[in-house]
């Protein structure tokens, strides 16, 4: 499931598209221009 969106790999702004994101939770995101999925962790 995609949980955040970023326009491209050099983008500095993303949009979280799910609710109730918790600290240290892994998130799967979509880099829209590159058609690539990526992961990140939300820090506290």
PDB file of N, CA and C in Angstrom:
ATOM      1  N   UNK A   1       0.843  -1.178   0.000  1.00  0.00           N
ATOM      2  CA  UNK A   1       0.000   0.000   0.000  1.00  0.00           C
ATOM      3  C   UNK A   1       0.892   1.248   0.000  1.00  0.00           C
ATOM      4  N   UNK A   2       0.588   2.191  -0.833  1.00  0.00           N
ATOM      5  CA  UNK A   2       1.310   3.459  -0.885  1.00  0.00           C
ATOM      6  C   UNK A   2       0.802   4.356   0.236  1.00  0.00           C
ATOM      7  N   UNK A   3       1.752   4.888   1.033  1.00  0.00           N
ATOM      8  CA  UNK A   3       1.383   5.702   2.185  1.00  0.00           C
ATOM      9  C   UNK A   3       1.801   7.162   2.048  1.00  0.00           C
ATOM     10  N   UNK A   4       2.712   7.453   1.110  1.00  0.00           N
ATOM     11  CA  UNK A   4       3.059   8.844   0.838  1.00  0.00           C
ATOM     12  C   UNK A   4       3.454   9.004  -0.616  1.00  0.00           C
ATOM     13  N   UNK A   5       3.346  10.240  -1.117  1.00  0.00           N
ATOM     14  CA  UNK A   5       3.669  10.562  -2.503  1.00  0.00           C
ATOM     15  C   UNK A   5       4.703  11.675  -2.545  1.00  0.00           C
ATOM     16  N   UNK A   6       5.647  11.550  -3.464  1.00  0.00           N
ATOM     17  CA  UNK A   6       6.630  12.602  -3.736  1.00  0.00           C
ATOM     18  C   UNK A   6       6.714  12.723  -5.252  1.00  0.00           C
ATOM     19  N   UNK A   7       6.827  13.950  -5.754  1.00  0.00           N
ATOM     20  CA  UNK A   7       6.821  14.150  -7.202  1.00  0.00           C
ATOM     21  C   UNK A   7       8.020  13.494  -7.872  1.00  0.00           C
ATOM     22  N   UNK A   8       9.237  13.735  -7.343  1.00  0.00           N
ATOM     23  CA  UNK A   8      10.423  13.108  -7.931  1.00  0.00           C
ATOM     24  C   UNK A   8      11.478  12.884  -6.852  1.00  0.00           C
ATOM     25  N   UNK A   9      12.565  12.234  -7.216  1.00  0.00           N
ATOM     26  CA  UNK A   9      13.592  11.839  -6.238  1.00  0.00           C
ATOM     27  C   UNK A   9      14.284  13.030  -5.584  1.00  0.00           C
ATOM     28  N   UNK A  10      14.297  14.179  -6.222  1.00  0.00           N
ATOM     29  CA  UNK A  10      14.943  15.356  -5.620  1.00  0.00           C
ATOM     30  C   UNK A  10      13.934  16.261  -4.923  1.00  0.00           C
ATOM     31  N   UNK A  11      12.682  15.821  -4.851  1.00  0.00           N
ATOM     32  CA  UNK A  11      11.634  16.606  -4.214  1.00  0.00           C
ATOM     33  C   UNK A  11      11.879  16.776  -2.720  1.00  0.00           C
ATOM     34  N   UNK A  12      11.472  17.900  -2.198  1.00  0.00           N
ATOM     35  CA  UNK A  12      11.632  18.174  -0.775  1.00  0.00           C
ATOM     36  C   UNK A  12      10.292  18.194  -0.044  1.00  0.00           C
ATOM     37  N   UNK A  13       9.219  17.956  -0.765  1.00  0.00           N
ATOM     38  CA  UNK A  13       7.884  17.953  -0.171  1.00  0.00           C
ATOM     39  C   UNK A  13       7.180  16.672  -0.592  1.00  0.00           C
ATOM     40  N   UNK A  14       6.552  16.017   0.390  1.00  0.00           N
ATOM     41  CA  UNK A  14       5.757  14.833   0.119  1.00  0.00           C
ATOM     42  C   UNK A  14       4.420  14.964   0.815  1.00  0.00           C
ATOM     43  N   UNK A  15       3.502  14.096   0.470  1.00  0.00           N
ATOM     44  CA  UNK A  15       2.168  14.111   1.059  1.00  0.00           C
ATOM     45  C   UNK A  15       1.874  12.720   1.607  1.00  0.00           C
ATOM     46  N   UNK A  16       1.580  12.651   2.899  1.00  0.00           N
ATOM     47  CA  UNK A  16       1.154  11.393   3.506  1.00  0.00           C
ATOM     48  C   UNK A  16      -0.321  11.202   3.176  1.00  0.00           C
ATOM     49  N   UNK A  17      -0.671  10.025   2.679  1.00  0.00           N
ATOM     50  CA  UNK A  17      -2.035   9.790   2.214  1.00  0.00           C
ATOM     51  C   UNK A  17      -2.787   8.763   3.063  1.00  0.00           C
ATOM     52  N   UNK A  18      -2.281   8.489   4.262  1.00  0.00           N
ATOM     53  CA  UNK A  18      -2.961   7.603   5.208  1.00  0.00           C
ATOM     54  C   UNK A  18      -3.058   8.322   6.553  1.00  0.00           C
ATOM     55  N   UNK A  19      -3.912   7.817   7.423  1.00  0.00           N
ATOM     56  CA  UNK A  19      -4.080   8.402   8.751  1.00  0.00           C
ATOM     57  C   UNK A  19      -3.313   7.589   9.791  1.00  0.00           C
ATOM     58  N   UNK A  20      -3.109   8.214  10.960  1.00  0.00           N
ATOM     59  CA  UNK A  20      -2.562   7.551  12.146  1.00  0.00           C
ATOM     60  C   UNK A  20      -1.147   7.007  11.955  1.00  0.00           C
ATOM     61  N   UNK A  21      -0.260   7.787  11.363  1.00  0.00           N
ATOM     62  CA  UNK A  21       1.136   7.402  11.224  1.00  0.00           C
ATOM     63  C   UNK A  21       1.822   7.600  12.573  1.00  0.00           C
ATOM     64  N   UNK A  22       2.530   6.572  13.026  1.00  0.00           N
ATOM     65  CA  UNK A  22       3.181   6.610  14.335  1.00  0.00           C
ATOM     66  C   UNK A  22       4.694   6.711  14.182  1.00  0.00           C
ATOM     67  N   UNK A  23       5.359   7.132  15.255  1.00  0.00           N
ATOM     68  CA  UNK A  23       6.821   7.257  15.257  1.00  0.00           C
ATOM     69  C   UNK A  23       7.465   5.914  14.933  1.00  0.00           C
ATOM     70  N   UNK A  24       8.544   5.966  14.157  1.00  0.00           N
ATOM     71  CA  UNK A  24       9.341   4.798  13.751  1.00  0.00           C
ATOM     72  C   UNK A  24       8.566   3.787  12.906  1.00  0.00           C
ATOM     73  N   UNK A  25       7.443   4.179  12.375  1.00  0.00           N
ATOM     74  CA  UNK A  25       6.666   3.307  11.498  1.00  0.00           C
ATOM     75  C   UNK A  25       7.256   3.365  10.093  1.00  0.00           C
ATOM     76  N   UNK A  26       7.533   2.207   9.475  1.00  0.00           N
ATOM     77  CA  UNK A  26       8.007   2.234   8.090  1.00  0.00           C
ATOM     78  C   UNK A  26       6.867   2.644   7.157  1.00  0.00           C
ATOM     79  N   UNK A  27       7.183   3.507   6.193  1.00  0.00           N
ATOM     80  CA  UNK A  27       6.195   3.972   5.223  1.00  0.00           C
ATOM     81  C   UNK A  27       6.677   3.654   3.817  1.00  0.00           C
ATOM     82  N   UNK A  28       5.762   3.242   2.967  1.00  0.00           N
ATOM     83  CA  UNK A  28       6.066   2.990   1.566  1.00  0.00           C
ATOM     84  C   UNK A  28       5.550   4.176   0.752  1.00  0.00           C
ATOM     85  N   UNK A  29       6.437   4.719  -0.067  1.00  0.00           N
ATOM     86  CA  UNK A  29       6.062   5.879  -0.864  1.00  0.00           C
ATOM     87  C   UNK A  29       6.303   5.666  -2.342  1.00  0.00           C
ATOM     88  N   UNK A  30       5.682   6.520  -3.122  1.00  0.00           N
ATOM     89  CA  UNK A  30       5.793   6.449  -4.577  1.00  0.00           C
ATOM     90  C   UNK A  30       6.438   7.724  -5.082  1.00  0.00           C
ATOM     91  N   UNK A  31       7.577   7.565  -5.781  1.00  0.00           N
ATOM     92  CA  UNK A  31       8.205   8.677  -6.493  1.00  0.00           C
ATOM     93  C   UNK A  31       7.547   8.711  -7.866  1.00  0.00           C
ATOM     94  N   UNK A  32       6.636   9.649  -8.061  1.00  0.00           N
ATOM     95  CA  UNK A  32       5.746   9.618  -9.214  1.00  0.00           C
ATOM     96  C   UNK A  32       6.466   9.765 -10.556  1.00  0.00           C
ATOM     97  N   UNK A  33       7.410  10.668 -10.660  1.00  0.00           N
ATOM     98  CA  UNK A  33       8.075  10.883 -11.951  1.00  0.00           C
ATOM     99  C   UNK A  33       8.917   9.677 -12.362  1.00  0.00           C
ATOM    100  N   UNK A  34       9.555   9.019 -11.375  1.00  0.00           N
ATOM    101  CA  UNK A  34      10.425   7.883 -11.675  1.00  0.00           C
ATOM    102  C   UNK A  34       9.677   6.545 -11.672  1.00  0.00           C
ATOM    103  N   UNK A  35       8.412   6.529 -11.274  1.00  0.00           N
ATOM    104  CA  UNK A  35       7.637   5.294 -11.165  1.00  0.00           C
ATOM    105  C   UNK A  35       8.350   4.277 -10.283  1.00  0.00           C
ATOM    106  N   UNK A  36       8.811   4.738  -9.108  1.00  0.00           N
ATOM    107  CA  UNK A  36       9.588   3.907  -8.190  1.00  0.00           C
ATOM    108  C   UNK A  36       8.936   3.957  -6.816  1.00  0.00           C
ATOM    109  N   UNK A  37       8.925   2.807  -6.138  1.00  0.00           N
ATOM    110  CA  UNK A  37       8.503   2.766  -4.746  1.00  0.00           C
ATOM    111  C   UNK A  37       9.724   2.904  -3.855  1.00  0.00           C
ATOM    112  N   UNK A  38       9.574   3.536  -2.703  1.00  0.00           N
ATOM    113  CA  UNK A  38      10.665   3.727  -1.756  1.00  0.00           C
ATOM    114  C   UNK A  38      10.132   3.570  -0.346  1.00  0.00           C
ATOM    115  N   UNK A  39      11.025   3.395   0.619  1.00  0.00           N
ATOM    116  CA  UNK A  39      10.617   3.284   2.023  1.00  0.00           C
ATOM    117  C   UNK A  39      11.317   4.347   2.838  1.00  0.00           C
ATOM    118  N   UNK A  40      10.634   4.800   3.887  1.00  0.00           N
ATOM    119  CA  UNK A  40      11.247   5.698   4.865  1.00  0.00           C
ATOM    120  C   UNK A  40      10.600   5.440   6.209  1.00  0.00           C
ATOM    121  N   UNK A  41      11.216   5.976   7.257  1.00  0.00           N
ATOM    122  CA  UNK A  41      10.675   5.854   8.606  1.00  0.00           C
ATOM    123  C   UNK A  41      10.344   7.218   9.128  1.00  0.00           C
ATOM    124  N   UNK A  42       9.174   7.368   9.713  1.00  0.00           N
ATOM    125  CA  UNK A  42       8.784   8.623  10.327  1.00  0.00           C
ATOM    126  C   UNK A  42       9.479   8.710  11.676  1.00  0.00           C
ATOM    127  N   UNK A  43      10.196   9.815  11.928  1.00  0.00           N
ATOM    128  CA  UNK A  43      10.864  10.001  13.212  1.00  0.00           C
ATOM    129  C   UNK A  43       9.908  10.691  14.179  1.00  0.00           C
ATOM    130  N   UNK A  44      10.249  10.625  15.442  1.00  0.00           N
ATOM    131  CA  UNK A  44       9.368  11.153  16.493  1.00  0.00           C
ATOM    132  C   UNK A  44       9.217  12.637  16.437  1.00  0.00           C
TER     133      UNK A  44
END
